[in-house]
Amino acid sequence: MNPINEAHVSEPGLVVVDVAAADDATALAFQQLLADRWATATAEQTTRDAGQPGVRLRCYLDLRQQLAAAAVADPTMEPNTARP
């Protein structure tokens, strides 16, 4: 992976996340979990390092820009309509 550029972490709340995972699906799923919560510059694909197991990817988060709670909610959850 390329070195982290000073601009990527120039202010509090900016984060560089390097992910190592067994496979593409796992790495991209983890990245999506981050992107569902915070403003994230996502990677389109993973990389493989010769002689190293698994895959890697890098994404950039801006923790200052948290997404609205409605966007973060699990879309598979049913609304709670039960009354006490």
N, C-alpha and C. Protein backbone atom coordinates (compact mmCIF):
# COMPACT_ATOMS: atom_id res chain seq x y z
N MET A 1 0.84 -1.18 0.00
CA MET A 1 0.00 0.00 0.00
C MET A 1 0.88 1.24 0.00
N ASN A 2 0.35 2.29 -0.54
CA ASN A 2 1.06 3.55 -0.57
C ASN A 2 1.14 4.15 0.83
N PRO A 3 2.12 4.99 1.08
CA PRO A 3 2.20 5.66 2.38
C PRO A 3 0.98 6.56 2.59
N ILE A 4 0.65 6.82 3.85
CA ILE A 4 -0.46 7.72 4.17
C ILE A 4 0.02 9.15 3.95
N ASN A 5 -0.76 9.91 3.20
CA ASN A 5 -0.44 11.29 2.88
C ASN A 5 -0.86 12.18 4.05
N GLU A 6 -0.06 13.18 4.36
CA GLU A 6 -0.35 14.09 5.48
C GLU A 6 -1.73 14.72 5.36
N ALA A 7 -2.19 14.98 4.15
CA ALA A 7 -3.50 15.59 3.95
C ALA A 7 -4.63 14.68 4.42
N HIS A 8 -4.41 13.37 4.40
CA HIS A 8 -5.45 12.42 4.80
C HIS A 8 -5.78 12.51 6.29
N VAL A 9 -4.86 12.99 7.09
CA VAL A 9 -5.06 13.10 8.54
C VAL A 9 -4.70 14.50 9.04
N SER A 10 -4.98 15.50 8.24
CA SER A 10 -4.56 16.87 8.56
C SER A 10 -5.40 17.54 9.63
N GLU A 11 -6.57 16.98 9.95
CA GLU A 11 -7.46 17.56 10.95
C GLU A 11 -8.02 16.48 11.85
N PRO A 12 -8.40 16.83 13.08
CA PRO A 12 -9.05 15.85 13.94
C PRO A 12 -10.34 15.35 13.28
N GLY A 13 -10.58 14.07 13.37
CA GLY A 13 -11.78 13.48 12.78
C GLY A 13 -11.55 12.81 11.45
N LEU A 14 -10.39 13.00 10.84
CA LEU A 14 -10.06 12.34 9.58
C LEU A 14 -9.28 11.06 9.90
N VAL A 15 -9.67 9.95 9.29
CA VAL A 15 -9.10 8.65 9.61
C VAL A 15 -8.76 7.90 8.34
N VAL A 16 -7.61 7.24 8.33
CA VAL A 16 -7.26 6.30 7.27
C VAL A 16 -7.38 4.90 7.85
N VAL A 17 -8.14 4.04 7.17
CA VAL A 17 -8.35 2.67 7.65
C VAL A 17 -7.76 1.70 6.63
N ASP A 18 -6.76 0.95 7.06
CA ASP A 18 -6.20 -0.12 6.24
C ASP A 18 -6.82 -1.43 6.72
N VAL A 19 -7.41 -2.16 5.79
CA VAL A 19 -8.10 -3.40 6.12
C VAL A 19 -7.35 -4.57 5.51
N ALA A 20 -7.13 -5.59 6.31
CA ALA A 20 -6.60 -6.86 5.82
C ALA A 20 -7.66 -7.91 6.11
N ALA A 21 -8.02 -8.69 5.10
CA ALA A 21 -9.07 -9.68 5.26
C ALA A 21 -8.73 -10.93 4.45
N ALA A 22 -9.44 -11.99 4.74
CA ALA A 22 -9.21 -13.26 4.05
C ALA A 22 -9.62 -13.21 2.58
N ASP A 23 -10.67 -12.41 2.28
CA ASP A 23 -11.18 -12.39 0.91
C ASP A 23 -11.81 -11.04 0.58
N ASP A 24 -12.10 -10.84 -0.71
CA ASP A 24 -12.69 -9.58 -1.18
C ASP A 24 -14.01 -9.28 -0.49
N ALA A 25 -14.88 -10.27 -0.41
CA ALA A 25 -16.22 -10.05 0.14
C ALA A 25 -16.14 -9.54 1.58
N THR A 26 -15.26 -10.09 2.38
CA THR A 26 -15.13 -9.67 3.77
C THR A 26 -14.62 -8.24 3.86
N ALA A 27 -13.59 -7.92 3.12
CA ALA A 27 -13.01 -6.58 3.15
C ALA A 27 -14.02 -5.54 2.68
N LEU A 28 -14.72 -5.82 1.60
CA LEU A 28 -15.69 -4.86 1.07
C LEU A 28 -16.91 -4.74 1.98
N ALA A 29 -17.32 -5.82 2.64
CA ALA A 29 -18.44 -5.76 3.58
C ALA A 29 -18.08 -4.89 4.78
N PHE A 30 -16.86 -5.03 5.28
CA PHE A 30 -16.41 -4.20 6.41
C PHE A 30 -16.39 -2.73 5.99
N GLN A 31 -15.87 -2.46 4.81
CA GLN A 31 -15.83 -1.08 4.31
C GLN A 31 -17.25 -0.53 4.22
N GLN A 32 -18.21 -1.33 3.78
CA GLN A 32 -19.59 -0.87 3.66
C GLN A 32 -20.19 -0.53 5.02
N LEU A 33 -19.85 -1.31 6.05
CA LEU A 33 -20.32 -0.99 7.40
C LEU A 33 -19.83 0.38 7.84
N LEU A 34 -18.59 0.70 7.53
CA LEU A 34 -18.05 2.02 7.85
C LEU A 34 -18.77 3.10 7.05
N ALA A 35 -18.98 2.85 5.77
CA ALA A 35 -19.60 3.83 4.89
C ALA A 35 -21.06 4.09 5.26
N ASP A 36 -21.72 3.10 5.86
CA ASP A 36 -23.10 3.28 6.29
C ASP A 36 -23.21 4.23 7.47
N ARG A 37 -22.13 4.43 8.19
CA ARG A 37 -22.14 5.23 9.41
C ARG A 37 -21.52 6.62 9.21
N TRP A 38 -20.41 6.70 8.48
CA TRP A 38 -19.69 7.96 8.31
C TRP A 38 -19.44 8.24 6.83
N ALA A 39 -19.19 9.53 6.55
CA ALA A 39 -18.78 9.91 5.20
C ALA A 39 -17.46 9.21 4.91
N THR A 40 -17.44 8.43 3.85
CA THR A 40 -16.29 7.57 3.58
C THR A 40 -15.92 7.60 2.12
N ALA A 41 -14.63 7.75 1.84
CA ALA A 41 -14.12 7.56 0.49
C ALA A 41 -13.78 6.08 0.38
N THR A 42 -14.54 5.36 -0.43
CA THR A 42 -14.41 3.91 -0.48
C THR A 42 -13.53 3.46 -1.63
N ALA A 43 -12.94 2.29 -1.46
CA ALA A 43 -12.14 1.66 -2.50
C ALA A 43 -13.06 0.82 -3.37
N GLU A 44 -12.80 0.80 -4.65
CA GLU A 44 -13.61 0.01 -5.58
C GLU A 44 -13.19 -1.46 -5.59
N GLN A 45 -11.95 -1.70 -5.22
CA GLN A 45 -11.44 -3.07 -5.27
C GLN A 45 -10.36 -3.26 -4.22
N THR A 46 -10.07 -4.50 -3.94
CA THR A 46 -9.01 -4.83 -2.99
C THR A 46 -7.71 -5.03 -3.76
N THR A 47 -6.61 -5.12 -3.01
CA THR A 47 -5.32 -5.43 -3.61
C THR A 47 -4.75 -6.68 -2.95
N ARG A 48 -3.86 -7.34 -3.66
CA ARG A 48 -3.17 -8.51 -3.13
C ARG A 48 -1.67 -8.21 -3.14
N ASP A 49 -1.02 -8.53 -2.04
CA ASP A 49 0.43 -8.37 -1.95
C ASP A 49 1.06 -9.72 -2.22
N ALA A 50 1.98 -9.75 -3.18
CA ALA A 50 2.64 -11.00 -3.54
C ALA A 50 3.27 -11.66 -2.31
N GLY A 51 3.00 -12.92 -2.15
CA GLY A 51 3.57 -13.67 -1.04
C GLY A 51 2.85 -13.50 0.28
N GLN A 52 1.81 -12.69 0.32
CA GLN A 52 1.05 -12.45 1.55
C GLN A 52 -0.35 -13.05 1.41
N PRO A 53 -0.88 -13.61 2.49
CA PRO A 53 -2.23 -14.17 2.40
C PRO A 53 -3.28 -13.07 2.41
N GLY A 54 -4.45 -13.36 1.86
CA GLY A 54 -5.59 -12.46 1.93
C GLY A 54 -5.48 -11.26 1.01
N VAL A 55 -6.35 -10.29 1.30
CA VAL A 55 -6.45 -9.07 0.50
C VAL A 55 -6.36 -7.85 1.41
N ARG A 56 -6.14 -6.70 0.80
CA ARG A 56 -6.06 -5.44 1.55
C ARG A 56 -6.85 -4.37 0.82
N LEU A 57 -7.33 -3.41 1.59
CA LEU A 57 -7.92 -2.22 0.99
C LEU A 57 -7.74 -1.07 1.96
N ARG A 58 -7.83 0.13 1.45
CA ARG A 58 -7.70 1.34 2.26
C ARG A 58 -8.90 2.22 1.97
N CYS A 59 -9.50 2.73 3.04
CA CYS A 59 -10.56 3.71 2.86
C CYS A 59 -10.32 4.88 3.81
N TYR A 60 -10.98 5.98 3.53
CA TYR A 60 -10.77 7.22 4.27
C TYR A 60 -12.10 7.65 4.87
N LEU A 61 -12.11 7.91 6.18
CA LEU A 61 -13.32 8.30 6.87
C LEU A 61 -13.21 9.73 7.36
N ASP A 62 -14.36 10.39 7.39
CA ASP A 62 -14.48 11.70 8.01
C ASP A 62 -15.48 11.56 9.14
N LEU A 63 -14.97 11.36 10.36
CA LEU A 63 -15.84 11.13 11.52
C LEU A 63 -16.64 12.37 11.90
N ARG A 64 -16.29 13.51 11.33
CA ARG A 64 -17.03 14.73 11.62
C ARG A 64 -18.38 14.74 10.91
N GLN A 65 -18.55 13.89 9.91
CA GLN A 65 -19.77 13.86 9.11
C GLN A 65 -20.51 12.54 9.33
N GLN A 66 -21.12 12.39 10.49
CA GLN A 66 -21.89 11.19 10.77
C GLN A 66 -23.20 11.27 10.00
N LEU A 67 -23.60 10.15 9.41
CA LEU A 67 -24.83 10.12 8.65
C LEU A 67 -26.02 10.14 9.59
N ALA A 68 -27.18 10.52 9.07
CA ALA A 68 -28.40 10.57 9.87
C ALA A 68 -28.74 9.18 10.41
N ALA A 69 -29.36 9.13 11.57
CA ALA A 69 -29.70 7.85 12.20
C ALA A 69 -30.58 7.00 11.30
N ALA A 70 -31.46 7.61 10.53
CA ALA A 70 -32.35 6.84 9.65
C ALA A 70 -31.55 6.09 8.59
N ALA A 71 -30.48 6.67 8.14
CA ALA A 71 -29.66 6.02 7.12
C ALA A 71 -28.86 4.87 7.69
N VAL A 72 -28.63 4.89 9.00
CA VAL A 72 -27.81 3.88 9.64
C VAL A 72 -28.63 2.68 10.09
N ALA A 73 -29.93 2.86 10.26
CA ALA A 73 -30.79 1.78 10.76
C ALA A 73 -30.71 0.55 9.88
N ASP A 74 -30.83 -0.60 10.49
CA ASP A 74 -30.79 -1.87 9.77
C ASP A 74 -32.05 -1.99 8.91
N PRO A 75 -31.92 -2.04 7.59
CA PRO A 75 -33.11 -2.07 6.73
C PRO A 75 -33.90 -3.38 6.86
N THR A 76 -33.34 -4.38 7.48
CA THR A 76 -34.07 -5.64 7.64
C THR A 76 -34.92 -5.67 8.89
N MET A 77 -34.78 -4.65 9.74
CA MET A 77 -35.55 -4.63 10.97
C MET A 77 -36.97 -4.17 10.71
N GLU A 78 -37.91 -4.83 11.36
CA GLU A 78 -39.32 -4.44 11.27
C GLU A 78 -39.58 -3.33 12.28
N PRO A 79 -40.44 -2.37 11.94
CA PRO A 79 -40.77 -1.34 12.92
C PRO A 79 -41.49 -1.98 14.10
N ASN A 80 -41.27 -1.44 15.29
CA ASN A 80 -41.91 -1.95 16.49
C ASN A 80 -43.27 -1.29 16.62
N THR A 81 -44.32 -2.03 16.30
CA THR A 81 -45.67 -1.48 16.37
C THR A 81 -46.44 -2.00 17.57
N ALA A 82 -45.81 -2.84 18.39
CA ALA A 82 -46.50 -3.40 19.57
C ALA A 82 -46.76 -2.30 20.57
N ARG A 83 -47.93 -2.36 21.18
CA ARG A 83 -48.30 -1.39 22.21
C ARG A 83 -48.27 -2.07 23.57
N PRO A 84 -47.84 -1.34 24.60
CA PRO A 84 -47.78 -1.95 25.94
C PRO A 84 -49.15 -2.24 26.50
